[in-house]
N, C-alpha and C. Protein backbone atom coordinates (compact mmCIF):
# COMPACT_ATOMS: atom_id res chain seq x y z
N MET A 1 -5.25 14.92 32.09
CA MET A 1 -4.76 15.14 31.25
C MET A 1 -3.40 16.37 32.70
N ASP A 2 -2.64 16.86 32.60
CA ASP A 2 -2.31 18.15 33.06
C ASP A 2 -2.33 19.01 33.24
N ALA A 3 -3.00 19.45 33.90
CA ALA A 3 -3.00 21.32 34.19
C ALA A 3 -1.96 21.84 33.20
N ILE A 4 -1.86 22.71 32.61
CA ILE A 4 -1.33 23.84 31.72
C ILE A 4 -1.41 25.32 32.12
N LYS A 5 -0.83 26.16 32.26
CA LYS A 5 -1.37 27.44 33.10
C LYS A 5 -1.47 28.44 31.75
N THR A 6 -2.23 28.97 31.15
CA THR A 6 -2.85 29.24 30.37
C THR A 6 -3.56 31.00 30.80
N SER A 7 -3.53 31.56 29.35
CA SER A 7 -4.43 33.39 29.43
C SER A 7 -5.76 33.00 29.24
N PRO A 8 -6.51 33.85 29.03
CA PRO A 8 -7.96 33.69 29.50
C PRO A 8 -8.35 33.20 27.18
N PRO A 9 -9.12 32.50 27.25
CA PRO A 9 -9.29 31.76 25.79
C PRO A 9 -10.11 33.74 24.97
N ILE A 10 -9.46 33.44 23.45
CA ILE A 10 -9.90 34.07 22.31
C ILE A 10 -10.46 33.53 21.82
N THR A 11 -11.72 33.58 21.09
CA THR A 11 -12.52 32.38 19.96
C THR A 11 -13.30 33.33 18.97
N VAL A 12 -13.27 32.39 18.03
CA VAL A 12 -13.28 33.11 16.43
C VAL A 12 -14.09 32.31 15.61
N THR A 13 -15.06 32.63 14.85
CA THR A 13 -15.84 31.34 14.34
C THR A 13 -16.12 31.65 12.87
N LYS A 14 -16.42 31.25 11.63
CA LYS A 14 -16.73 30.77 10.44
C LYS A 14 -17.61 30.00 9.85
N LEU A 15 -18.08 30.69 8.91
CA LEU A 15 -19.58 29.74 8.39
C LEU A 15 -18.34 29.79 7.05
N PHE A 16 -18.85 28.06 6.84
CA PHE A 16 -18.92 27.48 5.51
C PHE A 16 -19.84 27.03 4.92
N ASP A 17 -20.21 27.07 3.74
CA ASP A 17 -20.90 26.10 2.53
C ASP A 17 -20.56 25.10 2.12
N ILE A 18 -20.05 23.87 3.38
CA ILE A 18 -20.41 22.76 3.32
C ILE A 18 -20.88 22.01 4.41
N PRO A 19 -21.04 20.75 4.22
CA PRO A 19 -22.15 19.89 5.58
C PRO A 19 -20.72 19.81 6.47
N THR A 20 -21.09 19.04 7.83
CA THR A 20 -19.99 19.10 8.76
C THR A 20 -18.81 17.94 9.12
N THR A 21 -19.59 16.87 7.82
CA THR A 21 -18.89 15.72 7.54
C THR A 21 -17.71 16.23 6.39
N LYS A 22 -18.23 17.58 5.45
CA LYS A 22 -16.85 18.05 4.31
C LYS A 22 -15.98 18.12 5.43
N LEU A 23 -16.56 19.45 6.48
CA LEU A 23 -15.63 20.02 7.16
C LEU A 23 -14.35 19.45 8.20
N TRP A 24 -15.51 18.68 8.75
CA TRP A 24 -14.55 17.20 9.20
C TRP A 24 -13.03 16.75 8.51
N GLU A 25 -13.89 16.75 7.70
CA GLU A 25 -12.77 15.78 6.49
C GLU A 25 -11.34 17.09 6.20
N LEU A 26 -12.04 18.21 6.20
CA LEU A 26 -10.88 19.22 5.68
C LEU A 26 -10.13 19.21 7.08
N ILE A 27 -10.41 19.61 8.10
CA ILE A 27 -9.68 19.98 9.94
C ILE A 27 -9.63 18.55 9.78
N SER A 28 -9.40 17.27 9.24
CA SER A 28 -8.79 15.82 10.22
C SER A 28 -7.75 15.95 9.25
N THR A 29 -7.26 15.68 8.00
CA THR A 29 -6.88 15.09 7.14
C THR A 29 -5.16 15.63 7.26
N PRO A 30 -4.35 14.55 7.16
CA PRO A 30 -3.01 14.75 7.76
C PRO A 30 -2.52 15.64 6.53
N GLY A 31 -1.74 16.67 7.58
CA GLY A 31 -1.15 17.78 6.01
C GLY A 31 -1.72 18.58 5.97
N ASN A 32 -2.99 18.82 6.89
CA ASN A 32 -4.41 20.00 6.38
C ASN A 32 -3.53 21.54 6.09
N LEU A 33 -2.71 21.12 6.60
CA LEU A 33 -2.27 22.65 7.06
C LEU A 33 -1.48 23.45 5.98
N ASN A 34 -0.88 22.39 5.35
CA ASN A 34 0.42 22.65 4.10
C ASN A 34 -0.95 22.63 3.16
N ASN A 35 -2.44 23.01 2.97
CA ASN A 35 -3.25 23.67 1.50
C ASN A 35 -4.54 24.61 2.20
N CYS A 36 -4.14 24.85 4.15
CA CYS A 36 -5.18 25.33 4.31
C CYS A 36 -4.48 26.79 5.39
N HIS A 37 -3.55 26.54 5.75
CA HIS A 37 -2.62 28.01 7.06
C HIS A 37 -2.20 28.89 5.85
N PRO A 38 -2.73 29.91 6.18
CA PRO A 38 -1.86 30.92 5.40
C PRO A 38 -0.07 31.34 5.55
N PHE A 39 -0.23 31.09 6.69
CA PHE A 39 1.71 30.60 7.29
C PHE A 39 2.12 29.94 7.47
N CYS A 40 1.52 28.53 6.61
CA CYS A 40 1.77 27.34 6.75
C CYS A 40 3.41 27.78 6.11
N LYS A 41 4.56 26.81 6.62
CA LYS A 41 5.61 26.53 4.77
C LYS A 41 5.32 25.42 4.93
N THR A 42 5.76 24.59 5.84
CA THR A 42 5.28 22.57 6.14
C THR A 42 4.32 21.99 6.79
N ASN A 43 3.77 21.60 6.97
CA ASN A 43 3.15 20.51 8.26
C ASN A 43 3.85 18.85 7.70
N ASP A 44 4.34 19.01 8.67
CA ASP A 44 4.72 17.17 8.34
C ASP A 44 3.85 16.33 10.06
N VAL A 45 3.08 15.19 9.03
CA VAL A 45 2.46 14.04 9.67
C VAL A 45 4.09 14.08 11.20
N VAL A 46 3.64 13.66 12.80
CA VAL A 46 4.65 12.68 13.62
C VAL A 46 4.06 11.67 13.83
N GLU A 47 2.53 11.66 13.41
CA GLU A 47 1.80 10.36 14.23
C GLU A 47 0.44 10.64 14.02
N TRP A 48 -0.42 9.76 12.82
CA TRP A 48 -2.13 10.09 13.23
C TRP A 48 -2.36 8.49 12.85
N SER A 49 -3.11 8.07 13.46
CA SER A 49 -3.64 6.67 13.75
C SER A 49 -4.63 6.90 14.95
N ASP A 50 -5.76 5.72 14.87
CA ASP A 50 -7.19 5.92 15.87
C ASP A 50 -6.48 6.81 17.01
N GLY A 51 -5.39 6.22 18.00
CA GLY A 51 -5.53 7.02 19.13
C GLY A 51 -4.22 7.90 19.33
N ASN A 52 -3.74 8.42 18.42
CA ASN A 52 -2.68 9.47 18.58
C ASN A 52 -2.64 10.10 17.10
N HIS A 53 -2.82 11.49 17.71
CA HIS A 53 -2.07 12.94 16.03
C HIS A 53 -1.20 13.43 17.07
N SER A 54 -0.51 13.98 15.68
CA SER A 54 0.95 15.25 15.61
C SER A 54 1.17 15.00 15.05
N ASP A 55 1.88 16.47 14.45
CA ASP A 55 1.99 16.95 13.57
C ASP A 55 3.60 17.90 14.60
N VAL A 56 3.49 18.66 13.39
CA VAL A 56 4.53 19.56 13.46
C VAL A 56 4.36 20.53 12.63
N LEU A 57 4.64 21.76 12.31
CA LEU A 57 4.38 23.25 11.88
C LEU A 57 5.26 23.69 11.90
N VAL A 58 5.77 24.30 10.85
CA VAL A 58 6.63 25.24 10.56
C VAL A 58 6.14 26.41 9.92
N TYR A 59 6.40 28.04 10.56
CA TYR A 59 5.47 29.26 10.53
C TYR A 59 6.85 28.83 9.15
N LEU A 60 5.84 30.41 8.30
CA LEU A 60 6.55 30.63 6.82
C LEU A 60 8.43 31.78 7.92
N ASN A 61 8.10 31.90 8.94
CA ASN A 61 9.23 33.03 9.72
C ASN A 61 10.39 31.62 10.31
N GLY A 62 10.07 30.34 9.96
CA GLY A 62 10.89 29.54 10.23
C GLY A 62 10.30 28.79 11.78
N ARG A 63 8.88 29.82 13.01
CA ARG A 63 8.81 28.96 14.22
C ARG A 63 7.83 27.94 13.61
N THR A 64 9.01 27.02 15.27
CA THR A 64 8.49 25.52 14.65
C THR A 64 7.84 25.18 16.29
N TYR A 65 6.51 24.94 15.68
CA TYR A 65 5.34 24.20 16.90
C TYR A 65 5.09 22.78 16.52
N VAL A 66 4.69 22.43 17.93
CA VAL A 66 4.76 20.90 17.76
C VAL A 66 2.85 20.92 18.17
N ARG A 67 1.76 20.28 17.20
CA ARG A 67 0.60 19.87 17.89
C ARG A 67 -0.13 18.69 18.15
N ARG A 68 -0.02 18.62 19.82
CA ARG A 68 -0.63 16.88 20.51
C ARG A 68 -1.95 17.17 20.14
N PHE A 69 -2.32 16.01 19.59
CA PHE A 69 -3.96 16.36 19.77
C PHE A 69 -4.89 15.69 21.02
N ILE A 70 -4.99 16.03 21.85
CA ILE A 70 -5.83 15.44 23.01
C ILE A 70 -7.29 14.62 23.14
N SER A 71 -8.28 15.48 22.70
CA SER A 71 -9.71 14.53 21.90
C SER A 71 -9.77 14.84 20.65
N TRP A 72 -10.39 13.85 19.86
CA TRP A 72 -10.88 13.46 18.30
C TRP A 72 -12.15 12.98 18.28
N ASN A 73 -12.93 13.74 17.72
CA ASN A 73 -14.19 12.84 18.11
C ASN A 73 -14.86 13.78 16.74
N LYS A 74 -15.03 12.20 16.02
CA LYS A 74 -15.27 12.08 14.47
C LYS A 74 -16.81 13.50 14.33
N ASN A 75 -16.20 14.48 13.62
CA ASN A 75 -17.37 15.30 12.81
C ASN A 75 -17.50 15.97 13.96
N GLU A 76 -17.11 16.54 14.87
CA GLU A 76 -17.04 17.35 15.69
C GLU A 76 -16.74 18.46 16.02
N GLY A 77 -14.99 18.00 15.68
CA GLY A 77 -13.91 18.49 15.86
C GLY A 77 -13.04 17.67 17.31
N TYR A 78 -11.98 18.55 17.37
CA TYR A 78 -10.81 17.82 18.33
C TYR A 78 -10.59 18.91 19.33
N THR A 79 -9.56 18.42 20.35
CA THR A 79 -9.09 19.64 21.26
C THR A 79 -6.77 19.56 21.49
N LEU A 80 -6.19 20.03 21.23
CA LEU A 80 -4.43 19.90 21.73
C LEU A 80 -3.85 21.03 21.56
N ARG A 81 -2.61 20.63 21.97
CA ARG A 81 -1.45 21.42 22.65
C ARG A 81 -0.43 21.93 21.81
N ILE A 82 -0.57 23.22 21.49
CA ILE A 82 0.92 24.27 20.82
C ILE A 82 1.98 24.30 20.91
N GLY A 83 3.14 24.34 20.29
CA GLY A 83 3.84 25.30 21.30
C GLY A 83 5.47 24.79 20.55
N GLU A 84 6.76 25.38 21.17
CA GLU A 84 7.42 24.45 20.82
C GLU A 84 7.97 23.45 21.32
N ASP A 85 8.34 22.21 21.05
CA ASP A 85 8.84 21.00 21.37
C ASP A 85 9.15 21.29 22.65
N GLY A 86 9.23 20.67 23.91
CA GLY A 86 9.68 20.62 25.32
C GLY A 86 9.12 22.44 25.95
N GLY A 87 8.44 22.86 24.91
CA GLY A 87 8.30 24.44 25.46
C GLY A 87 6.96 24.67 25.96
N LEU A 88 6.35 26.48 26.30
CA LEU A 88 5.24 26.06 26.94
C LEU A 88 4.03 26.06 25.58
N GLN A 89 3.19 26.06 26.35
CA GLN A 89 1.37 25.09 25.66
C GLN A 89 0.90 26.14 25.47
N SER A 90 0.01 26.10 24.43
CA SER A 90 -1.06 26.64 24.21
C SER A 90 -2.13 25.95 24.00
N HIS A 91 -3.44 25.95 24.69
CA HIS A 91 -4.90 24.81 24.40
C HIS A 91 -5.71 25.30 23.57
N VAL A 92 -6.04 25.08 22.32
CA VAL A 92 -6.54 24.83 21.24
C VAL A 92 -8.24 24.17 21.57
N GLU A 93 -9.19 24.32 20.50
CA GLU A 93 -10.23 23.39 20.79
C GLU A 93 -10.70 24.21 19.11
N TRP A 94 -10.71 23.45 18.50
CA TRP A 94 -11.35 23.42 16.73
C TRP A 94 -12.92 22.66 17.14
N SER A 95 -14.00 22.70 16.46
CA SER A 95 -14.46 22.44 17.28
C SER A 95 -16.14 22.95 15.67
N ILE A 96 -16.79 21.76 15.43
CA ILE A 96 -17.50 22.03 14.09
C ILE A 96 -19.24 21.52 14.54
N ALA A 97 -20.01 22.79 14.17
CA ALA A 97 -21.73 22.54 14.08
C ALA A 97 -22.24 22.84 13.05
N SER A 98 -22.66 22.32 13.25
CA SER A 98 -23.91 22.43 11.81
C SER A 98 -25.13 23.59 11.59
N VAL A 99 -25.45 23.90 10.57
CA VAL A 99 -25.89 25.16 10.82
C VAL A 99 -27.11 24.97 9.58
N GLY A 100 -26.92 23.79 8.99
CA GLY A 100 -28.25 23.71 7.65
C GLY A 100 -27.54 22.45 7.31
N ASP A 101 -28.33 22.17 5.73
CA ASP A 101 -28.09 20.90 5.32
C ASP A 101 -26.68 20.98 4.70
N ASN A 102 -26.23 21.89 4.08
CA ASN A 102 -24.98 22.46 3.17
C ASN A 102 -24.17 23.99 4.20
N GLN A 103 -24.69 23.44 5.31
CA GLN A 103 -23.59 24.97 6.31
C GLN A 103 -23.65 24.25 7.08
N SER A 104 -21.91 24.81 7.58
CA SER A 104 -21.88 24.21 8.96
C SER A 104 -20.88 25.11 9.64
N GLU A 105 -20.15 25.67 11.13
CA GLU A 105 -19.83 26.69 11.33
C GLU A 105 -18.52 26.13 11.95
N LEU A 106 -17.10 26.44 11.69
CA LEU A 106 -16.15 26.26 12.67
C LEU A 106 -15.21 27.02 13.63
N THR A 107 -15.31 26.62 14.71
CA THR A 107 -14.85 27.64 15.47
C THR A 107 -13.50 27.20 16.36
N ILE A 108 -12.57 28.36 16.53
CA ILE A 108 -11.43 27.88 16.97
C ILE A 108 -11.29 28.71 18.18
N ARG A 109 -10.77 28.55 19.63
CA ARG A 109 -10.71 28.94 21.18
C ARG A 109 -9.33 28.53 21.24
N VAL A 110 -7.96 29.62 21.39
CA VAL A 110 -7.38 29.83 21.72
C VAL A 110 -7.43 29.93 22.99
N SER A 111 -7.21 28.99 23.99
CA SER A 111 -6.08 29.64 25.78
C SER A 111 -4.34 29.90 25.46
N PRO A 112 -3.87 31.00 25.18
CA PRO A 112 -2.89 30.65 24.98
C PRO A 112 -1.74 31.15 26.37
N TYR A 113 -0.08 30.68 25.50
CA TYR A 113 0.30 30.41 27.38
C TYR A 113 0.56 31.93 27.48
N ILE A 114 0.91 32.78 26.25
CA ILE A 114 1.87 34.03 26.26
C ILE A 114 0.65 34.91 27.14
N LEU A 115 2.03 35.15 28.54
CA LEU A 115 1.50 35.85 29.73
C LEU A 115 0.60 35.45 30.72
N ALA A 116 0.92 34.19 30.37
CA ALA A 116 -0.39 33.25 31.53
C ALA A 116 0.58 33.45 33.22
N GLY A 117 1.81 33.24 32.99
CA GLY A 117 2.37 33.45 34.56
C GLY A 117 3.03 34.90 35.42
N VAL A 118 2.24 36.12 34.13
CA VAL A 118 2.55 37.47 35.08
C VAL A 118 1.15 37.96 35.37
N PRO A 119 1.29 37.96 36.48
CA PRO A 119 -0.21 38.43 37.35
C PRO A 119 -0.90 39.22 36.52
N LYS A 120 -2.05 39.14 36.58
CA LYS A 120 -3.12 39.96 35.98
C LYS A 120 -3.14 41.46 35.98
N ILE A 121 -2.75 42.05 37.47
CA ILE A 121 -2.74 43.66 37.71
C ILE A 121 -1.45 43.87 36.39
N ILE A 122 -0.57 42.74 35.75
CA ILE A 122 0.69 43.54 34.83
C ILE A 122 -0.08 43.45 33.14
N SER A 123 -0.18 42.07 33.54
CA SER A 123 -0.69 41.64 31.86
C SER A 123 -1.94 42.18 31.45
N PHE A 124 -3.01 42.60 32.73
CA PHE A 124 -3.95 42.60 31.86
C PHE A 124 -4.27 43.25 30.32
N LEU A 125 -3.46 44.82 30.40
CA LEU A 125 -3.76 45.69 29.19
C LEU A 125 -2.83 45.03 28.20
N PRO A 126 -1.61 45.00 28.14
CA PRO A 126 -0.47 43.95 27.45
C PRO A 126 -1.69 42.97 26.73
N TYR A 127 -2.65 42.08 27.40
CA TYR A 127 -3.15 41.07 27.23
C TYR A 127 -4.27 41.14 26.17
N GLN A 128 -5.18 42.68 26.48
CA GLN A 128 -6.49 43.20 25.93
C GLN A 128 -5.65 44.25 24.47
N LEU A 129 -4.39 44.53 24.55
CA LEU A 129 -4.54 45.69 23.47
C LEU A 129 -3.37 44.91 22.84
N TRP A 130 -2.58 44.26 22.92
CA TRP A 130 -1.60 43.28 21.82
C TRP A 130 -2.01 41.85 22.10
N VAL A 131 -2.01 40.84 22.67
CA VAL A 131 -2.35 39.42 22.79
C VAL A 131 -3.70 39.23 21.57
N ARG A 132 -5.05 39.66 22.45
CA ARG A 132 -5.84 39.76 21.49
C ARG A 132 -6.33 39.97 20.03
N PRO A 133 -5.73 41.27 20.15
CA PRO A 133 -6.42 41.65 18.47
C PRO A 133 -5.37 41.07 17.46
N LYS A 134 -4.20 40.82 17.90
CA LYS A 134 -3.31 39.88 17.42
C LYS A 134 -3.74 38.10 16.43
N LEU A 135 -4.04 37.49 17.82
CA LEU A 135 -4.96 36.67 18.02
C LEU A 135 -5.79 36.06 17.40
N ARG A 136 -6.13 37.38 17.81
CA ARG A 136 -8.01 37.09 16.67
C ARG A 136 -7.65 36.92 14.97
N LYS A 137 -6.41 37.85 15.01
CA LYS A 137 -6.73 38.47 13.37
C LYS A 137 -5.67 37.29 13.18
N TYR A 138 -5.08 36.67 13.33
CA TYR A 138 -4.09 35.07 12.69
C TYR A 138 -5.63 34.30 13.02
N LEU A 139 -6.10 34.38 13.99
CA LEU A 139 -7.38 32.92 13.53
C LEU A 139 -8.32 33.15 12.59
N ASN A 140 -8.38 34.58 12.46
CA ASN A 140 -9.60 34.75 11.20
C ASN A 140 -8.41 34.44 9.95
N SER A 141 -7.45 34.90 10.01
CA SER A 141 -6.18 34.51 8.72
C SER A 141 -6.81 32.98 8.78
N VAL A 142 -6.32 32.04 9.80
CA VAL A 142 -6.53 30.27 9.89
C VAL A 142 -7.86 29.86 8.56
N LEU A 143 -8.79 30.01 9.64
CA LEU A 143 -10.29 29.74 8.83
C LEU A 143 -10.50 30.35 7.78
N SER A 144 -9.62 31.93 7.48
CA SER A 144 -10.34 32.32 5.98
C SER A 144 -9.31 31.43 4.89
N GLY A 145 -7.90 30.99 5.46
CA GLY A 145 -7.40 29.95 4.64
C GLY A 145 -8.17 28.21 4.43
N PHE A 146 -8.96 28.15 4.99
CA PHE A 146 -9.70 26.88 5.07
C PHE A 146 -11.00 27.17 4.38
N ASP A 147 -11.54 27.75 4.64
CA ASP A 147 -12.43 28.51 4.13
C ASP A 147 -12.34 28.67 1.95
N TYR A 148 -11.04 29.00 2.04
CA TYR A 148 -10.52 29.34 0.64
C TYR A 148 -10.14 27.67 0.33
N TYR A 149 -9.74 27.07 0.52
CA TYR A 149 -9.37 25.31 0.14
C TYR A 149 -10.49 25.09 -0.22
N ALA A 150 -11.12 24.92 0.69
CA ALA A 150 -13.28 24.53 0.94
C ALA A 150 -13.51 25.36 -0.69
N ARG A 151 -13.74 26.35 -0.64
CA ARG A 151 -14.30 26.28 -1.48
C ARG A 151 -13.75 26.85 -2.88
N THR A 152 -11.79 26.78 -3.58
CA THR A 152 -11.63 26.77 -4.50
C THR A 152 -10.90 25.45 -5.17
N GLY A 153 -10.46 24.83 -3.95
CA GLY A 153 -9.83 23.33 -4.27
C GLY A 153 -8.11 23.46 -4.43
N LYS A 154 -8.24 24.90 -4.67
CA LYS A 154 -6.72 25.23 -4.32
C LYS A 154 -6.10 25.60 -2.77
N ALA A 155 -5.09 25.29 -2.81
CA ALA A 155 -4.01 25.71 -1.09
C ALA A 155 -4.09 27.76 -1.71
N VAL A 156 -4.35 27.78 -0.41
CA VAL A 156 -4.28 29.19 -0.29
C VAL A 156 -2.96 29.52 -0.13
N PRO A 157 -2.68 30.44 -1.45
CA PRO A 157 -1.71 31.73 -1.07
C PRO A 157 -1.09 31.70 -0.01
N ARG A 158 0.30 31.75 0.15
CA ARG A 158 1.31 32.93 1.67
C ARG A 158 0.69 34.06 1.84
N ASN A 159 0.63 34.12 3.20
CA ASN A 159 0.14 35.35 4.05
C ASN A 159 -1.00 36.03 2.71
N HIS A 160 -1.71 35.38 2.55
CA HIS A 160 -3.18 35.90 1.41
C HIS A 160 -4.40 37.04 2.21
N PHE A 161 -4.14 36.97 3.30
CA PHE A 161 -5.05 38.28 4.02
C PHE A 161 -4.06 38.67 5.10
N GLY A 162 -2.73 39.16 4.39
CA GLY A 162 -1.57 39.51 5.26
C GLY A 162 -0.93 39.06 6.28
N ARG A 163 -0.43 39.75 5.92
CA ARG A 163 1.17 39.22 7.11
C ARG A 163 0.68 39.24 8.25
N HIS A 164 1.77 38.20 9.06
CA HIS A 164 1.52 38.55 10.47
C HIS A 164 2.70 38.32 11.40
N SER A 165 2.89 39.31 12.24
CA SER A 165 4.24 39.96 12.64
C SER A 165 4.93 38.67 13.79
N TRP A 166 4.27 37.68 14.49
CA TRP A 166 4.06 36.63 14.92
C TRP A 166 4.70 35.33 13.94
N PHE A 167 3.96 35.45 13.18
CA PHE A 167 4.13 34.29 11.99
C PHE A 167 4.94 33.92 10.76
N SER A 168 4.83 35.27 9.76
CA SER A 168 5.41 35.56 8.82
C SER A 168 6.51 35.67 8.18
């Protein structure tokens, strides 16, 4: 894997009232963001086979990102790179942990590309005061969207947990 320049990671975890196998099914189904992501306009599969997984996520505001999966570990999680095709990429880890027979946790950890090339002395405050809170809000909304779909079986309404200035 070639190195990519990213900023420090931001991690958010949510508890789900489903076993890890069901949570894995939820996060690994092709096109799952169409039902689970509150800022997703469309999520189209590019390739979804044993060795290769990639898709295109178009946000509500029209921003288009390609997700290219790096690792794929059944019932445990995966890692991917996401960003504009040919542009800068963020590194993302989705991981599942069992909490009990019918409970599991989903953690999303993002190492964003934003401000990654800026010296720390300049980027520290903007990262802490702008990027971190915005990305945490985004990740909480995404996890809540997956929880909504897991509980109701219905697609999460768009912007259901509030609008987001980067993606709505």
